[in-house]
Amino acid sequence: MKSFEAIAKRAYEAFQQALPKDGKQVATWDELKEASRTAWIAASRKMAEEIQQVL
């Protein structure tokens, strides 16, 4: 099973790729502040809980 951090990182990377390519640079996962990474991990946990309720 993947860790929630790995899931959050992949979700963040998908978020980055979905942004318009307007020349503005978005921080990579490793460049994010710890608080931002923690927030993405918390969001991933919540999404997993929501998905489990649907299944």
PDB file of N, CA and C in Angstrom:
ATOM      1  N   MET A   1       0.843  -1.176   0.000  1.00  0.00           N
ATOM      2  CA  MET A   1       0.000   0.000   0.000  1.00  0.00           C
ATOM      3  C   MET A   1       0.893   1.246   0.000  1.00  0.00           C
ATOM      4  N   LYS A   2       0.494   2.246  -0.744  1.00  0.00           N
ATOM      5  CA  LYS A   2       1.245   3.491  -0.802  1.00  0.00           C
ATOM      6  C   LYS A   2       0.993   4.312   0.454  1.00  0.00           C
ATOM      7  N   SER A   3       1.988   5.100   0.812  1.00  0.00           N
ATOM      8  CA  SER A   3       1.803   6.019   1.939  1.00  0.00           C
ATOM      9  C   SER A   3       0.952   7.203   1.482  1.00  0.00           C
ATOM     10  N   PHE A   4       0.333   7.858   2.438  1.00  0.00           N
ATOM     11  CA  PHE A   4      -0.456   9.035   2.098  1.00  0.00           C
ATOM     12  C   PHE A   4       0.442  10.132   1.546  1.00  0.00           C
ATOM     13  N   GLU A   5       1.696  10.175   1.993  1.00  0.00           N
ATOM     14  CA  GLU A   5       2.615  11.175   1.449  1.00  0.00           C
ATOM     15  C   GLU A   5       2.872  10.909  -0.034  1.00  0.00           C
ATOM     16  N   ALA A   6       3.051   9.652  -0.423  1.00  0.00           N
ATOM     17  CA  ALA A   6       3.259   9.313  -1.833  1.00  0.00           C
ATOM     18  C   ALA A   6       2.022   9.667  -2.664  1.00  0.00           C
ATOM     19  N   ILE A   7       0.858   9.398  -2.115  1.00  0.00           N
ATOM     20  CA  ILE A   7      -0.389   9.732  -2.811  1.00  0.00           C
ATOM     21  C   ILE A   7      -0.517  11.244  -2.951  1.00  0.00           C
ATOM     22  N   ALA A   8      -0.213  11.969  -1.879  1.00  0.00           N
ATOM     23  CA  ALA A   8      -0.299  13.428  -1.921  1.00  0.00           C
ATOM     24  C   ALA A   8       0.678  14.004  -2.937  1.00  0.00           C
ATOM     25  N   LYS A   9       1.877  13.443  -2.991  1.00  0.00           N
ATOM     26  CA  LYS A   9       2.876  13.915  -3.954  1.00  0.00           C
ATOM     27  C   LYS A   9       2.381  13.717  -5.383  1.00  0.00           C
ATOM     28  N   ARG A  10       1.817  12.562  -5.659  1.00  0.00           N
ATOM     29  CA  ARG A  10       1.291  12.307  -7.013  1.00  0.00           C
ATOM     30  C   ARG A  10       0.120  13.225  -7.327  1.00  0.00           C
ATOM     31  N   ALA A  11      -0.732  13.492  -6.335  1.00  0.00           N
ATOM     32  CA  ALA A  11      -1.855  14.405  -6.547  1.00  0.00           C
ATOM     33  C   ALA A  11      -1.346  15.821  -6.818  1.00  0.00           C
ATOM     34  N   TYR A  12      -0.322  16.229  -6.077  1.00  0.00           N
ATOM     35  CA  TYR A  12       0.243  17.557  -6.290  1.00  0.00           C
ATOM     36  C   TYR A  12       0.869  17.661  -7.679  1.00  0.00           C
ATOM     37  N   GLU A  13       1.554  16.622  -8.103  1.00  0.00           N
ATOM     38  CA  GLU A  13       2.156  16.624  -9.438  1.00  0.00           C
ATOM     39  C   GLU A  13       1.083  16.699 -10.520  1.00  0.00           C
ATOM     40  N   ALA A  14      -0.042  16.020 -10.314  1.00  0.00           N
ATOM     41  CA  ALA A  14      -1.155  16.104 -11.270  1.00  0.00           C
ATOM     42  C   ALA A  14      -1.732  17.520 -11.273  1.00  0.00           C
ATOM     43  N   PHE A  15      -1.826  18.123 -10.093  1.00  0.00           N
ATOM     44  CA  PHE A  15      -2.285  19.507  -9.973  1.00  0.00           C
ATOM     45  C   PHE A  15      -1.361  20.439 -10.765  1.00  0.00           C
ATOM     46  N   GLN A  16      -0.057  20.267 -10.591  1.00  0.00           N
ATOM     47  CA  GLN A  16       0.915  21.090 -11.319  1.00  0.00           C
ATOM     48  C   GLN A  16       0.717  20.963 -12.834  1.00  0.00           C
ATOM     49  N   GLN A  17       0.564  19.754 -13.295  1.00  0.00           N
ATOM     50  CA  GLN A  17       0.430  19.508 -14.732  1.00  0.00           C
ATOM     51  C   GLN A  17      -0.872  20.073 -15.289  1.00  0.00           C
ATOM     52  N   ALA A  18      -1.882  20.201 -14.455  1.00  0.00           N
ATOM     53  CA  ALA A  18      -3.174  20.698 -14.917  1.00  0.00           C
ATOM     54  C   ALA A  18      -3.214  22.225 -15.006  1.00  0.00           C
ATOM     55  N   LEU A  19      -2.255  22.884 -14.395  1.00  0.00           N
ATOM     56  CA  LEU A  19      -2.225  24.341 -14.433  1.00  0.00           C
ATOM     57  C   LEU A  19      -1.885  24.837 -15.831  1.00  0.00           C
ATOM     58  N   PRO A  20      -2.410  26.003 -16.208  1.00  0.00           N
ATOM     59  CA  PRO A  20      -2.072  26.571 -17.517  1.00  0.00           C
ATOM     60  C   PRO A  20      -0.572  26.844 -17.606  1.00  0.00           C
ATOM     61  N   LYS A  21      -0.027  26.618 -18.757  1.00  0.00           N
ATOM     62  CA  LYS A  21       1.402  26.851 -18.987  1.00  0.00           C
ATOM     63  C   LYS A  21       1.588  28.311 -19.396  1.00  0.00           C
ATOM     64  N   ASP A  22       1.570  29.212 -18.410  1.00  0.00           N
ATOM     65  CA  ASP A  22       1.665  30.638 -18.705  1.00  0.00           C
ATOM     66  C   ASP A  22       3.023  31.232 -18.339  1.00  0.00           C
ATOM     67  N   GLY A  23       4.008  30.385 -18.174  1.00  0.00           N
ATOM     68  CA  GLY A  23       5.347  30.855 -17.866  1.00  0.00           C
ATOM     69  C   GLY A  23       5.631  31.031 -16.389  1.00  0.00           C
ATOM     70  N   LYS A  24       4.600  30.936 -15.560  1.00  0.00           N
ATOM     71  CA  LYS A  24       4.805  31.059 -14.118  1.00  0.00           C
ATOM     72  C   LYS A  24       5.241  29.705 -13.574  1.00  0.00           C
ATOM     73  N   GLN A  25       6.237  29.740 -12.732  1.00  0.00           N
ATOM     74  CA  GLN A  25       6.755  28.505 -12.161  1.00  0.00           C
ATOM     75  C   GLN A  25       6.036  28.181 -10.855  1.00  0.00           C
ATOM     76  N   VAL A  26       5.671  26.936 -10.697  1.00  0.00           N
ATOM     77  CA  VAL A  26       5.022  26.453  -9.481  1.00  0.00           C
ATOM     78  C   VAL A  26       6.029  25.578  -8.744  1.00  0.00           C
ATOM     79  N   ALA A  27       6.061  25.704  -7.443  1.00  0.00           N
ATOM     80  CA  ALA A  27       7.010  24.933  -6.640  1.00  0.00           C
ATOM     81  C   ALA A  27       6.834  23.440  -6.856  1.00  0.00           C
ATOM     82  N   THR A  28       7.947  22.729  -6.867  1.00  0.00           N
ATOM     83  CA  THR A  28       7.892  21.269  -6.910  1.00  0.00           C
ATOM     84  C   THR A  28       7.512  20.768  -5.513  1.00  0.00           C
ATOM     85  N   TRP A  29       7.208  19.488  -5.412  1.00  0.00           N
ATOM     86  CA  TRP A  29       6.856  18.900  -4.120  1.00  0.00           C
ATOM     87  C   TRP A  29       7.963  19.155  -3.104  1.00  0.00           C
ATOM     88  N   ASP A  30       9.206  18.944  -3.506  1.00  0.00           N
ATOM     89  CA  ASP A  30      10.328  19.119  -2.583  1.00  0.00           C
ATOM     90  C   ASP A  30      10.543  20.579  -2.192  1.00  0.00           C
ATOM     91  N   GLU A  31      10.089  21.513  -3.015  1.00  0.00           N
ATOM     92  CA  GLU A  31      10.227  22.939  -2.717  1.00  0.00           C
ATOM     93  C   GLU A  31       9.108  23.470  -1.827  1.00  0.00           C
ATOM     94  N   LEU A  32       8.030  22.709  -1.683  1.00  0.00           N
ATOM     95  CA  LEU A  32       6.920  23.157  -0.833  1.00  0.00           C
ATOM     96  C   LEU A  32       7.365  23.259   0.621  1.00  0.00           C
ATOM     97  N   LYS A  33       6.799  24.225   1.319  1.00  0.00           N
ATOM     98  CA  LYS A  33       7.049  24.315   2.752  1.00  0.00           C
ATOM     99  C   LYS A  33       6.380  23.125   3.427  1.00  0.00           C
ATOM    100  N   GLU A  34       6.914  22.757   4.566  1.00  0.00           N
ATOM    101  CA  GLU A  34       6.396  21.598   5.304  1.00  0.00           C
ATOM    102  C   GLU A  34       4.894  21.719   5.565  1.00  0.00           C
ATOM    103  N   ALA A  35       4.432  22.917   5.882  1.00  0.00           N
ATOM    104  CA  ALA A  35       3.003  23.121   6.155  1.00  0.00           C
ATOM    105  C   ALA A  35       2.162  22.809   4.922  1.00  0.00           C
ATOM    106  N   SER A  36       2.649  23.173   3.750  1.00  0.00           N
ATOM    107  CA  SER A  36       1.909  22.886   2.514  1.00  0.00           C
ATOM    108  C   SER A  36       1.888  21.391   2.224  1.00  0.00           C
ATOM    109  N   ARG A  37       3.023  20.726   2.418  1.00  0.00           N
ATOM    110  CA  ARG A  37       3.050  19.264   2.215  1.00  0.00           C
ATOM    111  C   ARG A  37       2.109  18.582   3.200  1.00  0.00           C
ATOM    112  N   THR A  38       2.108  19.032   4.437  1.00  0.00           N
ATOM    113  CA  THR A  38       1.216  18.457   5.451  1.00  0.00           C
ATOM    114  C   THR A  38      -0.241  18.653   5.051  1.00  0.00           C
ATOM    115  N   ALA A  39      -0.565  19.813   4.493  1.00  0.00           N
ATOM    116  CA  ALA A  39      -1.936  20.068   4.053  1.00  0.00           C
ATOM    117  C   ALA A  39      -2.324  19.145   2.903  1.00  0.00           C
ATOM    118  N   TRP A  40      -1.430  18.926   1.943  1.00  0.00           N
ATOM    119  CA  TRP A  40      -1.713  18.013   0.834  1.00  0.00           C
ATOM    120  C   TRP A  40      -1.892  16.582   1.350  1.00  0.00           C
ATOM    121  N   ILE A  41      -1.108  16.181   2.318  1.00  0.00           N
ATOM    122  CA  ILE A  41      -1.241  14.835   2.893  1.00  0.00           C
ATOM    123  C   ILE A  41      -2.585  14.707   3.602  1.00  0.00           C
ATOM    124  N   ALA A  42      -2.984  15.733   4.352  1.00  0.00           N
ATOM    125  CA  ALA A  42      -4.287  15.716   5.039  1.00  0.00           C
ATOM    126  C   ALA A  42      -5.421  15.635   4.020  1.00  0.00           C
ATOM    127  N   ALA A  43      -5.295  16.374   2.933  1.00  0.00           N
ATOM    128  CA  ALA A  43      -6.333  16.333   1.891  1.00  0.00           C
ATOM    129  C   ALA A  43      -6.398  14.946   1.261  1.00  0.00           C
ATOM    130  N   SER A  44      -5.256  14.313   1.067  1.00  0.00           N
ATOM    131  CA  SER A  44      -5.239  12.961   0.500  1.00  0.00           C
ATOM    132  C   SER A  44      -5.927  11.966   1.422  1.00  0.00           C
ATOM    133  N   ARG A  45      -5.674  12.104   2.715  1.00  0.00           N
ATOM    134  CA  ARG A  45      -6.349  11.224   3.691  1.00  0.00           C
ATOM    135  C   ARG A  45      -7.864  11.415   3.622  1.00  0.00           C
ATOM    136  N   LYS A  46      -8.297  12.658   3.574  1.00  0.00           N
ATOM    137  CA  LYS A  46      -9.736  12.956   3.532  1.00  0.00           C
ATOM    138  C   LYS A  46     -10.352  12.403   2.251  1.00  0.00           C
ATOM    139  N   MET A  47      -9.662  12.552   1.135  1.00  0.00           N
ATOM    140  CA  MET A  47     -10.171  12.021  -0.135  1.00  0.00           C
ATOM    141  C   MET A  47     -10.291  10.499  -0.058  1.00  0.00           C
ATOM    142  N   ALA A  48      -9.324   9.836   0.563  1.00  0.00           N
ATOM    143  CA  ALA A  48      -9.378   8.380   0.700  1.00  0.00           C
ATOM    144  C   ALA A  48     -10.586   7.970   1.551  1.00  0.00           C
ATOM    145  N   GLU A  49     -10.832   8.710   2.621  1.00  0.00           N
ATOM    146  CA  GLU A  49     -11.994   8.422   3.468  1.00  0.00           C
ATOM    147  C   GLU A  49     -13.292   8.578   2.679  1.00  0.00           C
ATOM    148  N   GLU A  50     -13.383   9.644   1.896  1.00  0.00           N
ATOM    149  CA  GLU A  50     -14.584   9.892   1.098  1.00  0.00           C
ATOM    150  C   GLU A  50     -14.785   8.790   0.055  1.00  0.00           C
ATOM    151  N   ILE A  51     -13.714   8.363  -0.584  1.00  0.00           N
ATOM    152  CA  ILE A  51     -13.802   7.305  -1.591  1.00  0.00           C
ATOM    153  C   ILE A  51     -14.264   6.003  -0.954  1.00  0.00           C
ATOM    154  N   GLN A  52     -13.751   5.698   0.228  1.00  0.00           N
ATOM    155  CA  GLN A  52     -14.160   4.466   0.921  1.00  0.00           C
ATOM    156  C   GLN A  52     -15.644   4.481   1.244  1.00  0.00           C
ATOM    157  N   GLN A  53     -16.207   5.642   1.528  1.00  0.00           N
ATOM    158  CA  GLN A  53     -17.637   5.729   1.828  1.00  0.00           C
ATOM    159  C   GLN A  53     -18.490   5.490   0.591  1.00  0.00           C
ATOM    160  N   VAL A  54     -17.953   5.796  -0.587  1.00  0.00           N
ATOM    161  CA  VAL A  54     -18.685   5.603  -1.826  1.00  0.00           C
ATOM    162  C   VAL A  54     -18.660   4.141  -2.254  1.00  0.00           C
ATOM    163  N   LEU A  55     -17.546   3.474  -1.979  1.00  0.00           N
ATOM    164  CA  LEU A  55     -17.400   2.078  -2.418  1.00  0.00           C
ATOM    165  C   LEU A  55     -18.171   1.138  -1.605  1.00  0.00           C
TER     166      LEU A  55
END
